[in-house]
N, C-alpha and C. Protein backbone atom coordinates (compact mmCIF):
# COMPACT_ATOMS: atom_id res chain seq x y z
N MET A 1 94.97 96.78 86.23
CA MET A 1 95.04 95.34 86.02
C MET A 1 96.45 94.87 86.34
N ALA A 2 96.58 93.68 86.90
CA ALA A 2 97.89 93.17 87.27
C ALA A 2 98.74 92.93 86.04
N ILE A 3 100.05 93.19 86.13
CA ILE A 3 100.97 93.00 85.04
C ILE A 3 101.38 91.54 84.98
N THR A 4 101.35 90.95 83.78
CA THR A 4 101.78 89.57 83.62
C THR A 4 102.82 89.50 82.53
N VAL A 5 103.69 88.52 82.58
CA VAL A 5 104.74 88.32 81.58
C VAL A 5 104.36 87.13 80.73
N PRO A 6 104.18 87.33 79.40
CA PRO A 6 103.76 86.20 78.56
C PRO A 6 104.82 85.12 78.51
N SER A 7 104.38 83.87 78.41
CA SER A 7 105.28 82.73 78.32
C SER A 7 105.10 82.06 76.96
N PRO A 8 106.08 81.28 76.53
CA PRO A 8 105.95 80.59 75.24
C PRO A 8 104.77 79.65 75.24
N PRO A 9 104.14 79.45 74.06
CA PRO A 9 103.00 78.52 74.01
C PRO A 9 103.42 77.13 74.43
N PRO A 10 102.65 76.46 75.30
CA PRO A 10 103.00 75.10 75.71
C PRO A 10 102.63 74.09 74.64
N SER A 11 103.18 72.90 74.75
CA SER A 11 102.77 71.81 73.87
C SER A 11 101.34 71.44 74.20
N VAL A 12 100.73 70.63 73.35
CA VAL A 12 99.35 70.25 73.57
C VAL A 12 99.20 69.54 74.91
N SER A 13 100.08 68.55 75.17
CA SER A 13 99.98 67.82 76.44
C SER A 13 100.31 68.73 77.60
N GLY A 14 101.34 69.58 77.43
CA GLY A 14 101.68 70.52 78.49
C GLY A 14 100.57 71.50 78.74
N GLY A 15 99.87 71.90 77.65
CA GLY A 15 98.76 72.83 77.80
C GLY A 15 97.64 72.24 78.62
N ARG A 16 97.36 70.95 78.38
CA ARG A 16 96.30 70.30 79.16
C ARG A 16 96.68 70.25 80.64
N GLU A 17 97.96 69.95 80.91
CA GLU A 17 98.41 69.85 82.30
C GLU A 17 98.30 71.20 83.00
N ILE A 18 98.74 72.27 82.31
CA ILE A 18 98.66 73.61 82.90
C ILE A 18 97.21 74.01 83.12
N HIS A 19 96.36 73.72 82.13
CA HIS A 19 94.94 74.05 82.28
C HIS A 19 94.35 73.34 83.48
N GLY A 20 94.73 72.05 83.66
CA GLY A 20 94.22 71.32 84.81
C GLY A 20 94.69 71.90 86.12
N ASP A 21 95.96 72.32 86.17
CA ASP A 21 96.47 72.94 87.39
C ASP A 21 95.71 74.21 87.71
N ARG A 22 95.49 75.05 86.69
CA ARG A 22 94.80 76.32 86.92
C ARG A 22 93.35 76.10 87.35
N ALA A 23 92.72 75.06 86.78
CA ALA A 23 91.36 74.75 87.19
C ALA A 23 91.32 74.34 88.66
N ARG A 24 92.35 73.60 89.10
CA ARG A 24 92.42 73.23 90.51
C ARG A 24 92.69 74.44 91.40
N TRP A 25 93.47 75.41 90.88
CA TRP A 25 93.66 76.65 91.63
C TRP A 25 92.32 77.33 91.87
N ALA A 26 91.54 77.46 90.80
CA ALA A 26 90.24 78.12 90.91
C ALA A 26 89.36 77.39 91.93
N GLN A 27 89.35 76.07 91.87
CA GLN A 27 88.54 75.29 92.81
C GLN A 27 89.01 75.52 94.24
N TRP A 28 90.32 75.63 94.44
CA TRP A 28 90.85 75.85 95.80
C TRP A 28 90.37 77.19 96.34
N TYR A 29 90.47 78.24 95.54
CA TYR A 29 90.03 79.56 96.00
C TYR A 29 88.54 79.57 96.32
N GLU A 30 87.76 78.93 95.48
CA GLU A 30 86.31 78.93 95.70
C GLU A 30 85.91 78.07 96.90
N ARG A 31 86.56 76.91 97.05
CA ARG A 31 86.19 75.98 98.12
C ARG A 31 86.76 76.40 99.48
N GLU A 32 88.05 76.74 99.52
CA GLU A 32 88.72 77.01 100.79
C GLU A 32 88.51 78.43 101.30
N LEU A 33 88.37 79.39 100.40
CA LEU A 33 88.25 80.79 100.80
C LEU A 33 86.89 81.40 100.51
N GLY A 34 86.14 80.75 99.62
CA GLY A 34 84.85 81.33 99.24
C GLY A 34 85.00 82.52 98.32
N TRP A 35 86.12 82.58 97.56
CA TRP A 35 86.38 83.69 96.65
C TRP A 35 85.94 83.33 95.25
N ALA A 36 85.26 84.23 94.58
CA ALA A 36 84.82 84.01 93.21
C ALA A 36 86.01 84.15 92.26
N THR A 37 86.04 83.30 91.22
CA THR A 37 87.11 83.34 90.23
C THR A 37 86.52 83.42 88.83
N ALA A 38 87.39 83.73 87.87
CA ALA A 38 86.98 83.74 86.47
C ALA A 38 88.16 83.25 85.64
N GLY A 39 87.87 82.38 84.65
CA GLY A 39 88.90 81.93 83.74
C GLY A 39 89.89 80.97 84.37
N THR A 40 90.79 80.46 83.51
CA THR A 40 91.85 79.56 83.98
C THR A 40 93.20 79.93 83.37
N GLU A 41 93.26 80.79 82.39
CA GLU A 41 94.53 81.16 81.73
C GLU A 41 94.66 82.67 81.60
N PRO A 42 94.98 83.38 82.66
CA PRO A 42 95.19 82.89 84.02
C PRO A 42 93.89 82.90 84.82
N VAL A 43 93.94 82.32 86.01
CA VAL A 43 92.82 82.42 86.94
C VAL A 43 92.77 83.86 87.45
N ARG A 44 91.58 84.44 87.49
CA ARG A 44 91.40 85.79 88.01
C ARG A 44 90.54 85.72 89.29
N LEU A 45 90.90 86.56 90.24
CA LEU A 45 90.09 86.71 91.45
C LEU A 45 89.22 87.95 91.29
N LEU A 46 87.92 87.79 91.51
CA LEU A 46 86.99 88.90 91.32
C LEU A 46 86.96 89.77 92.58
N THR A 47 87.11 91.06 92.39
CA THR A 47 87.10 91.99 93.52
C THR A 47 85.70 92.58 93.72
N GLY A 48 85.51 93.16 94.90
CA GLY A 48 84.22 93.78 95.19
C GLY A 48 83.19 92.84 95.79
N LEU A 49 83.53 91.57 95.92
CA LEU A 49 82.60 90.60 96.50
C LEU A 49 83.04 90.24 97.92
N ARG A 50 84.16 89.56 98.05
CA ARG A 50 84.70 89.21 99.37
C ARG A 50 85.81 90.15 99.81
N PHE A 51 86.38 90.88 98.87
CA PHE A 51 87.49 91.79 99.18
C PHE A 51 87.63 92.81 98.06
N ASP A 52 88.30 93.93 98.37
CA ASP A 52 88.76 94.90 97.39
C ASP A 52 90.28 94.86 97.39
N VAL A 53 90.90 95.59 96.47
CA VAL A 53 92.36 95.58 96.35
C VAL A 53 92.90 96.99 96.22
N LEU A 54 93.96 97.28 96.96
CA LEU A 54 94.77 98.47 96.75
C LEU A 54 96.02 98.01 96.01
N GLN A 55 96.29 98.61 94.85
CA GLN A 55 97.43 98.20 94.04
C GLN A 55 98.44 99.34 93.95
N VAL A 56 99.70 99.01 94.23
CA VAL A 56 100.78 100.00 94.24
C VAL A 56 101.99 99.41 93.55
N PRO A 57 102.98 100.25 93.16
CA PRO A 57 104.24 99.71 92.64
C PRO A 57 104.89 98.80 93.69
N ALA A 58 105.62 97.79 93.22
CA ALA A 58 106.20 96.81 94.14
C ALA A 58 107.11 97.46 95.17
N ALA A 59 107.93 98.43 94.76
CA ALA A 59 108.85 99.08 95.70
C ALA A 59 108.08 99.79 96.81
N VAL A 60 106.98 100.45 96.44
CA VAL A 60 106.14 101.11 97.44
C VAL A 60 105.53 100.07 98.37
N GLY A 61 105.05 98.97 97.80
CA GLY A 61 104.44 97.93 98.62
C GLY A 61 105.40 97.34 99.64
N HIS A 62 106.63 97.09 99.22
CA HIS A 62 107.61 96.54 100.16
C HIS A 62 107.88 97.52 101.30
N ALA A 63 107.94 98.82 100.97
CA ALA A 63 108.13 99.83 102.02
C ALA A 63 106.96 99.83 103.00
N VAL A 64 105.75 99.66 102.47
CA VAL A 64 104.57 99.62 103.33
C VAL A 64 104.63 98.41 104.26
N LEU A 65 105.03 97.27 103.74
CA LEU A 65 105.09 96.06 104.57
C LEU A 65 106.12 96.19 105.68
N ARG A 66 107.15 97.00 105.45
CA ARG A 66 108.13 97.23 106.52
C ARG A 66 107.55 98.12 107.62
N ARG A 67 106.56 98.95 107.26
CA ARG A 67 105.95 99.88 108.21
C ARG A 67 104.77 99.26 108.95
N VAL A 68 104.03 98.39 108.29
CA VAL A 68 102.77 97.89 108.83
C VAL A 68 102.88 96.38 109.06
N ASP A 69 102.79 95.98 110.30
CA ASP A 69 102.91 94.55 110.63
C ASP A 69 101.65 93.78 110.27
N ARG A 70 100.49 94.37 110.57
CA ARG A 70 99.22 93.67 110.37
C ARG A 70 98.52 94.21 109.12
N THR A 71 98.46 93.37 108.11
CA THR A 71 97.74 93.70 106.89
C THR A 71 96.83 92.52 106.57
N GLY A 72 96.09 92.65 105.50
CA GLY A 72 95.41 91.49 104.96
C GLY A 72 96.37 90.74 104.06
N PRO A 73 95.86 89.83 103.25
CA PRO A 73 96.71 89.12 102.29
C PRO A 73 97.38 90.10 101.33
N VAL A 74 98.60 89.78 100.92
CA VAL A 74 99.38 90.64 100.02
C VAL A 74 99.99 89.76 98.94
N ALA A 75 99.83 90.17 97.68
CA ALA A 75 100.37 89.41 96.56
C ALA A 75 101.26 90.31 95.69
N LEU A 76 102.33 89.73 95.18
CA LEU A 76 103.20 90.42 94.23
C LEU A 76 102.90 89.88 92.86
N SER A 77 102.67 90.79 91.91
CA SER A 77 102.35 90.39 90.55
C SER A 77 103.15 91.25 89.59
N GLY A 78 104.29 90.72 89.14
CA GLY A 78 105.16 91.51 88.29
C GLY A 78 105.70 92.71 89.04
N ALA A 79 105.52 93.89 88.47
CA ALA A 79 106.03 95.12 89.07
C ALA A 79 105.03 95.78 90.00
N ARG A 80 103.90 95.12 90.28
CA ARG A 80 102.87 95.70 91.12
C ARG A 80 102.61 94.81 92.33
N MET A 81 102.11 95.42 93.39
CA MET A 81 101.75 94.68 94.59
C MET A 81 100.28 94.93 94.89
N ASN A 82 99.58 93.87 95.24
CA ASN A 82 98.15 93.94 95.56
C ASN A 82 97.94 93.71 97.05
N LEU A 83 97.34 94.69 97.70
CA LEU A 83 97.01 94.57 99.13
C LEU A 83 95.51 94.38 99.24
N LEU A 84 95.08 93.25 99.76
CA LEU A 84 93.66 92.95 99.87
C LEU A 84 93.08 93.61 101.11
N VAL A 85 91.94 94.25 100.92
CA VAL A 85 91.24 94.96 102.00
C VAL A 85 89.77 94.56 101.96
N ALA A 86 89.02 94.99 102.95
CA ALA A 86 87.61 94.60 103.03
C ALA A 86 86.82 95.12 101.83
N ALA A 87 85.84 94.33 101.41
CA ALA A 87 84.96 94.75 100.33
C ALA A 87 84.30 96.08 100.70
N GLY A 88 84.23 96.98 99.75
CA GLY A 88 83.68 98.32 99.98
C GLY A 88 84.74 99.36 100.25
N SER A 89 85.98 98.93 100.51
CA SER A 89 87.05 99.89 100.82
C SER A 89 87.40 100.76 99.63
N ALA A 90 87.32 100.21 98.41
CA ALA A 90 87.65 101.01 97.23
C ALA A 90 86.72 102.22 97.11
N GLU A 91 85.45 102.02 97.44
CA GLU A 91 84.49 103.12 97.38
C GLU A 91 84.77 104.14 98.48
N GLU A 92 85.25 103.68 99.62
CA GLU A 92 85.54 104.57 100.75
C GLU A 92 86.87 105.30 100.59
N LEU A 93 87.73 104.83 99.69
CA LEU A 93 89.10 105.33 99.63
C LEU A 93 89.21 106.84 99.38
N PRO A 94 88.50 107.41 98.39
CA PRO A 94 88.66 108.86 98.18
C PRO A 94 88.33 109.69 99.42
N GLY A 95 87.25 109.35 100.10
CA GLY A 95 86.88 110.08 101.32
C GLY A 95 87.89 109.88 102.42
N LEU A 96 88.42 108.66 102.53
CA LEU A 96 89.42 108.37 103.55
C LEU A 96 90.71 109.15 103.28
N LEU A 97 91.12 109.23 102.02
CA LEU A 97 92.32 110.00 101.69
C LEU A 97 92.11 111.48 102.00
N ASP A 98 90.92 111.99 101.72
CA ASP A 98 90.62 113.39 102.07
C ASP A 98 90.72 113.59 103.59
N TRP A 99 90.16 112.66 104.35
CA TRP A 99 90.17 112.78 105.81
C TRP A 99 91.59 112.72 106.36
N LEU A 100 92.45 111.94 105.69
CA LEU A 100 93.85 111.84 106.09
C LEU A 100 94.70 112.97 105.52
N GLU A 101 94.06 113.90 104.82
CA GLU A 101 94.73 115.07 104.22
C GLU A 101 95.67 114.68 103.09
N TRP A 102 95.33 113.59 102.38
CA TRP A 102 96.04 113.22 101.17
C TRP A 102 95.21 113.53 99.93
N GLY A 103 94.02 114.07 100.11
CA GLY A 103 93.18 114.41 98.97
C GLY A 103 93.85 115.43 98.08
N GLY A 104 93.80 115.23 96.77
CA GLY A 104 94.41 116.16 95.82
C GLY A 104 95.88 115.89 95.55
N VAL A 105 96.49 114.98 96.30
CA VAL A 105 97.90 114.62 96.09
C VAL A 105 97.95 113.46 95.08
N THR A 106 98.78 113.60 94.04
CA THR A 106 98.89 112.55 93.04
C THR A 106 99.63 111.36 93.63
N LEU A 107 98.99 110.20 93.60
CA LEU A 107 99.56 108.99 94.19
C LEU A 107 99.54 107.85 93.18
N SER A 108 100.57 107.02 93.22
CA SER A 108 100.62 105.85 92.33
C SER A 108 99.83 104.71 92.98
N LEU A 109 98.56 104.93 93.13
CA LEU A 109 97.67 104.02 93.85
C LEU A 109 96.42 103.78 93.04
N ALA A 110 96.07 102.52 92.87
CA ALA A 110 94.82 102.16 92.19
C ALA A 110 94.00 101.30 93.13
N ALA A 111 92.69 101.44 93.05
CA ALA A 111 91.78 100.66 93.89
C ALA A 111 90.84 99.86 93.00
N PHE A 112 90.67 98.59 93.32
CA PHE A 112 89.80 97.70 92.56
C PHE A 112 88.67 97.24 93.47
N GLY A 113 87.45 97.59 93.09
CA GLY A 113 86.28 97.18 93.84
C GLY A 113 85.34 96.38 92.96
N ALA A 114 84.05 96.68 93.03
CA ALA A 114 83.05 95.93 92.27
C ALA A 114 83.38 95.96 90.78
N GLY A 115 83.36 94.78 90.17
CA GLY A 115 83.62 94.66 88.74
C GLY A 115 85.08 94.50 88.37
N GLY A 116 85.98 94.57 89.36
CA GLY A 116 87.41 94.43 89.08
C GLY A 116 87.87 92.99 89.22
N ARG A 117 89.12 92.76 88.84
CA ARG A 117 89.71 91.44 88.97
C ARG A 117 91.22 91.55 88.97
N ILE A 118 91.88 90.62 89.64
CA ILE A 118 93.34 90.56 89.66
C ILE A 118 93.77 89.13 89.33
N THR A 119 95.01 88.99 88.88
CA THR A 119 95.54 87.66 88.60
C THR A 119 95.74 86.90 89.91
N ALA A 120 95.27 85.67 89.94
CA ALA A 120 95.38 84.86 91.16
C ALA A 120 96.77 84.27 91.29
N PRO A 121 97.42 84.46 92.43
CA PRO A 121 98.68 83.74 92.66
C PRO A 121 98.41 82.24 92.84
N ALA A 122 99.48 81.45 92.74
CA ALA A 122 99.34 80.04 93.08
C ALA A 122 98.89 79.92 94.53
N PRO A 123 97.99 78.99 94.84
CA PRO A 123 97.59 78.80 96.24
C PRO A 123 98.81 78.54 97.12
N PRO A 124 98.77 78.93 98.38
CA PRO A 124 99.91 78.72 99.28
C PRO A 124 100.39 77.27 99.26
N GLY A 125 101.72 77.12 99.16
CA GLY A 125 102.31 75.79 99.14
C GLY A 125 102.45 75.17 97.77
N ARG A 126 101.95 75.85 96.73
CA ARG A 126 102.06 75.33 95.37
C ARG A 126 103.02 76.19 94.55
N ALA A 127 103.67 75.56 93.58
CA ALA A 127 104.65 76.27 92.76
C ALA A 127 103.97 77.35 91.93
N ALA A 128 104.63 78.52 91.85
CA ALA A 128 104.06 79.64 91.11
C ALA A 128 104.15 79.45 89.61
N GLY A 129 105.11 78.63 89.14
CA GLY A 129 105.26 78.43 87.71
C GLY A 129 106.31 79.35 87.13
N ARG A 130 105.97 80.03 86.04
CA ARG A 130 106.94 80.83 85.31
C ARG A 130 107.42 82.04 86.11
N PRO A 131 108.64 82.53 85.79
CA PRO A 131 109.15 83.73 86.47
C PRO A 131 108.22 84.92 86.24
N GLY A 132 108.03 85.72 87.27
CA GLY A 132 107.16 86.90 87.16
C GLY A 132 105.71 86.61 87.46
N ALA A 133 105.39 85.33 87.68
CA ALA A 133 103.99 84.99 87.99
C ALA A 133 103.62 85.55 89.36
N ALA A 134 102.33 85.78 89.56
CA ALA A 134 101.84 86.32 90.83
C ALA A 134 102.11 85.34 91.96
N VAL A 135 102.57 85.86 93.09
CA VAL A 135 102.86 85.02 94.26
C VAL A 135 102.34 85.73 95.51
N TRP A 136 102.00 84.93 96.51
CA TRP A 136 101.59 85.49 97.80
C TRP A 136 102.82 85.85 98.63
N LEU A 137 102.86 87.08 99.14
CA LEU A 137 103.87 87.47 100.11
C LEU A 137 103.34 87.28 101.52
N ARG A 138 102.07 87.60 101.71
CA ARG A 138 101.35 87.32 102.95
C ARG A 138 100.07 86.59 102.53
N PRO A 139 100.08 85.27 102.59
CA PRO A 139 98.96 84.50 102.04
C PRO A 139 97.69 84.65 102.86
N PRO A 140 96.56 84.40 102.24
CA PRO A 140 95.28 84.47 102.97
C PRO A 140 95.12 83.31 103.91
N GLY A 141 94.43 83.55 105.03
CA GLY A 141 94.06 82.47 105.92
C GLY A 141 92.77 81.81 105.45
N LEU A 142 92.60 80.57 105.81
CA LEU A 142 91.37 79.87 105.45
C LEU A 142 90.19 80.46 106.21
N ARG A 143 89.00 80.20 105.73
CA ARG A 143 87.81 80.83 106.31
C ARG A 143 87.64 80.52 107.79
N HIS A 144 88.08 79.34 108.22
CA HIS A 144 87.87 78.95 109.61
C HIS A 144 89.01 79.39 110.52
N GLU A 145 90.08 79.98 109.96
CA GLU A 145 91.23 80.34 110.76
C GLU A 145 91.06 81.70 111.42
N GLU A 146 91.61 81.83 112.62
CA GLU A 146 91.60 83.11 113.31
C GLU A 146 92.62 84.04 112.66
N GLY A 147 92.37 85.34 112.76
CA GLY A 147 93.34 86.33 112.29
C GLY A 147 93.41 86.46 110.79
N SER A 148 92.36 85.99 110.08
CA SER A 148 92.38 86.07 108.62
C SER A 148 91.57 87.26 108.12
N GLY A 149 91.32 88.24 109.01
CA GLY A 149 90.50 89.39 108.62
C GLY A 149 91.19 90.30 107.64
N LEU A 150 90.39 91.07 106.93
CA LEU A 150 90.88 92.04 105.97
C LEU A 150 90.85 93.43 106.59
N PRO A 151 91.81 94.29 106.23
CA PRO A 151 91.80 95.66 106.76
C PRO A 151 90.47 96.34 106.47
N ALA A 152 89.89 96.94 107.50
CA ALA A 152 88.57 97.56 107.38
C ALA A 152 88.47 98.74 108.32
N LEU A 153 87.51 99.61 108.05
CA LEU A 153 87.29 100.74 108.94
C LEU A 153 86.86 100.27 110.33
N THR A 154 86.23 99.11 110.42
CA THR A 154 85.83 98.58 111.72
C THR A 154 87.02 98.07 112.52
N GLY A 155 88.21 98.08 111.91
CA GLY A 155 89.40 97.65 112.62
C GLY A 155 90.01 98.74 113.48
N LEU A 156 89.40 99.93 113.51
CA LEU A 156 89.93 101.00 114.35
C LEU A 156 89.90 100.60 115.81
N GLY A 157 90.94 101.01 116.53
CA GLY A 157 91.05 100.62 117.93
C GLY A 157 89.85 101.04 118.76
N SER A 158 89.23 102.17 118.41
CA SER A 158 88.08 102.64 119.18
C SER A 158 86.88 101.73 119.04
N ARG A 159 86.89 100.89 117.96
CA ARG A 159 85.77 99.98 117.76
C ARG A 159 86.03 98.61 118.37
N GLY A 160 87.29 98.39 118.79
CA GLY A 160 87.62 97.11 119.41
C GLY A 160 87.59 95.94 118.46
N GLY A 161 87.70 96.19 117.15
CA GLY A 161 87.64 95.11 116.19
C GLY A 161 88.96 94.35 116.13
N SER A 162 88.90 93.13 115.56
CA SER A 162 90.10 92.31 115.43
C SER A 162 90.73 92.43 114.06
N ALA A 163 90.08 93.10 113.10
CA ALA A 163 90.62 93.24 111.76
C ALA A 163 91.77 94.25 111.76
N PRO A 164 92.72 94.09 110.81
CA PRO A 164 93.76 95.11 110.67
C PRO A 164 93.14 96.47 110.38
N ASP A 165 93.87 97.52 110.68
CA ASP A 165 93.37 98.88 110.61
C ASP A 165 93.52 99.44 109.19
N LEU A 166 92.41 99.65 108.50
CA LEU A 166 92.44 100.20 107.15
C LEU A 166 93.00 101.61 107.13
N VAL A 167 92.69 102.41 108.14
CA VAL A 167 93.17 103.79 108.18
C VAL A 167 94.69 103.82 108.23
N GLN A 168 95.28 103.01 109.09
CA GLN A 168 96.74 102.96 109.19
C GLN A 168 97.35 102.49 107.88
N LEU A 169 96.74 101.47 107.26
CA LEU A 169 97.27 100.94 106.02
C LEU A 169 97.23 101.99 104.92
N VAL A 170 96.10 102.67 104.75
CA VAL A 170 95.97 103.67 103.69
C VAL A 170 96.92 104.83 103.92
N ASP A 171 97.06 105.26 105.17
CA ASP A 171 97.98 106.36 105.46
C ASP A 171 99.42 105.96 105.13
N SER A 172 99.80 104.73 105.44
CA SER A 172 101.14 104.25 105.13
C SER A 172 101.35 104.14 103.62
N VAL A 173 100.33 103.65 102.91
CA VAL A 173 100.42 103.55 101.46
C VAL A 173 100.60 104.93 100.85
N ALA A 174 99.78 105.89 101.27
CA ALA A 174 99.88 107.24 100.72
C ALA A 174 101.24 107.86 101.02
N THR A 175 101.74 107.66 102.25
CA THR A 175 103.04 108.21 102.63
C THR A 175 104.15 107.65 101.74
N GLU A 176 104.14 106.34 101.52
CA GLU A 176 105.20 105.72 100.73
C GLU A 176 105.06 106.05 99.25
N CYS A 177 103.84 106.19 98.75
CA CYS A 177 103.65 106.63 97.36
C CYS A 177 104.22 108.04 97.16
N HIS A 178 103.92 108.92 98.10
CA HIS A 178 104.41 110.30 98.02
C HIS A 178 105.93 110.34 98.14
N ARG A 179 106.48 109.56 99.05
CA ARG A 179 107.94 109.53 99.22
C ARG A 179 108.62 109.04 97.94
N ALA A 180 108.06 108.01 97.31
CA ALA A 180 108.63 107.49 96.07
C ALA A 180 108.59 108.53 94.96
N ARG A 181 107.50 109.29 94.90
CA ARG A 181 107.39 110.32 93.87
C ARG A 181 108.42 111.43 94.10
N LEU A 182 108.60 111.83 95.36
CA LEU A 182 109.61 112.85 95.66
C LEU A 182 111.01 112.36 95.32
N MET A 183 111.29 111.10 95.60
CA MET A 183 112.61 110.54 95.27
C MET A 183 112.84 110.52 93.77
N ARG A 184 111.81 110.19 93.02
CA ARG A 184 111.93 110.17 91.56
C ARG A 184 112.17 111.58 91.04
N ALA A 185 111.47 112.56 91.58
CA ALA A 185 111.66 113.94 91.15
C ALA A 185 113.07 114.43 91.50
N ARG A 186 113.54 114.07 92.71
CA ARG A 186 114.87 114.48 93.13
C ARG A 186 115.94 113.86 92.24
N THR A 187 115.77 112.59 91.90
CA THR A 187 116.72 111.91 91.03
C THR A 187 116.75 112.55 89.65
N GLY A 188 115.58 112.94 89.15
CA GLY A 188 115.51 113.59 87.84
C GLY A 188 116.27 114.91 87.82
N ARG A 189 116.16 115.69 88.91
CA ARG A 189 116.86 116.97 88.96
C ARG A 189 118.36 116.77 89.10
N SER A 190 118.77 115.77 89.93
CA SER A 190 120.20 115.59 90.17
C SER A 190 120.94 115.07 88.95
N THR A 191 120.24 114.35 88.07
CA THR A 191 120.88 113.83 86.87
C THR A 191 120.71 114.75 85.67
N GLY A 192 120.01 115.87 85.88
CA GLY A 192 119.80 116.82 84.80
C GLY A 192 118.72 116.41 83.83
N GLY A 193 118.04 115.30 84.14
CA GLY A 193 116.97 114.84 83.26
C GLY A 193 115.67 115.52 83.59
N SER A 194 114.64 115.14 82.85
CA SER A 194 113.33 115.73 83.11
C SER A 194 112.74 115.13 84.36
N THR A 195 111.87 115.87 85.02
CA THR A 195 111.21 115.38 86.22
C THR A 195 110.27 114.24 85.84
N ALA A 196 110.15 113.27 86.70
CA ALA A 196 109.27 112.12 86.43
C ALA A 196 107.84 112.60 86.19
N GLN A 197 107.17 111.88 85.30
CA GLN A 197 105.79 112.20 85.00
C GLN A 197 104.91 111.98 86.23
N PRO A 198 103.87 112.79 86.41
CA PRO A 198 102.97 112.59 87.55
C PRO A 198 102.39 111.18 87.52
N LEU A 199 102.25 110.60 88.68
CA LEU A 199 101.71 109.25 88.80
C LEU A 199 100.22 109.34 89.04
N ALA A 200 99.47 108.55 88.30
CA ALA A 200 98.01 108.68 88.32
C ALA A 200 97.41 107.91 89.47
N PHE A 201 96.33 108.45 90.01
CA PHE A 201 95.52 107.76 91.03
C PHE A 201 94.20 107.43 90.39
N SER A 202 93.76 106.19 90.57
CA SER A 202 92.46 105.80 90.01
C SER A 202 91.68 105.02 91.04
């Protein structure tokens, strides 16, 4: 689940204004993108319907973005980064990692598919609000716009698809997760401290 930073309770009038803003956010996602939402405090985007999510530590995510030019939408939420991929990708991920020879390697990677949800960033062009709130780093394109595809297995060059390449994205994510873990272990040894705890994959 995305990390959020609690804010002080708003006044009654301020609470109504914030609630109205969040309701408009939900309407924007549903109307402009066709994405299902839940709640308003905060608005949640439901995964497994129009998209799945690969979630990694923010530092890993930034390293991935430096390696991969074409991704789907990407959001930063506190200390985590959410990379949106085609619906069904979360189910395919374990097999894909095995095929890429990352199977059995502990990675700080979580996948959200059917039944999952993430905190919705402010729609593009709108203020995010409080510090630490979810924001788009690579915002989604509208349904009618070209180039708004999500990374998918059909994006492989041999298939001639226009979507970003899910295989390249997952391989880059796994590489950067592994590199970060090695750096943490090396830092622990050099400072005489204990080695970092294994990072869980789910």
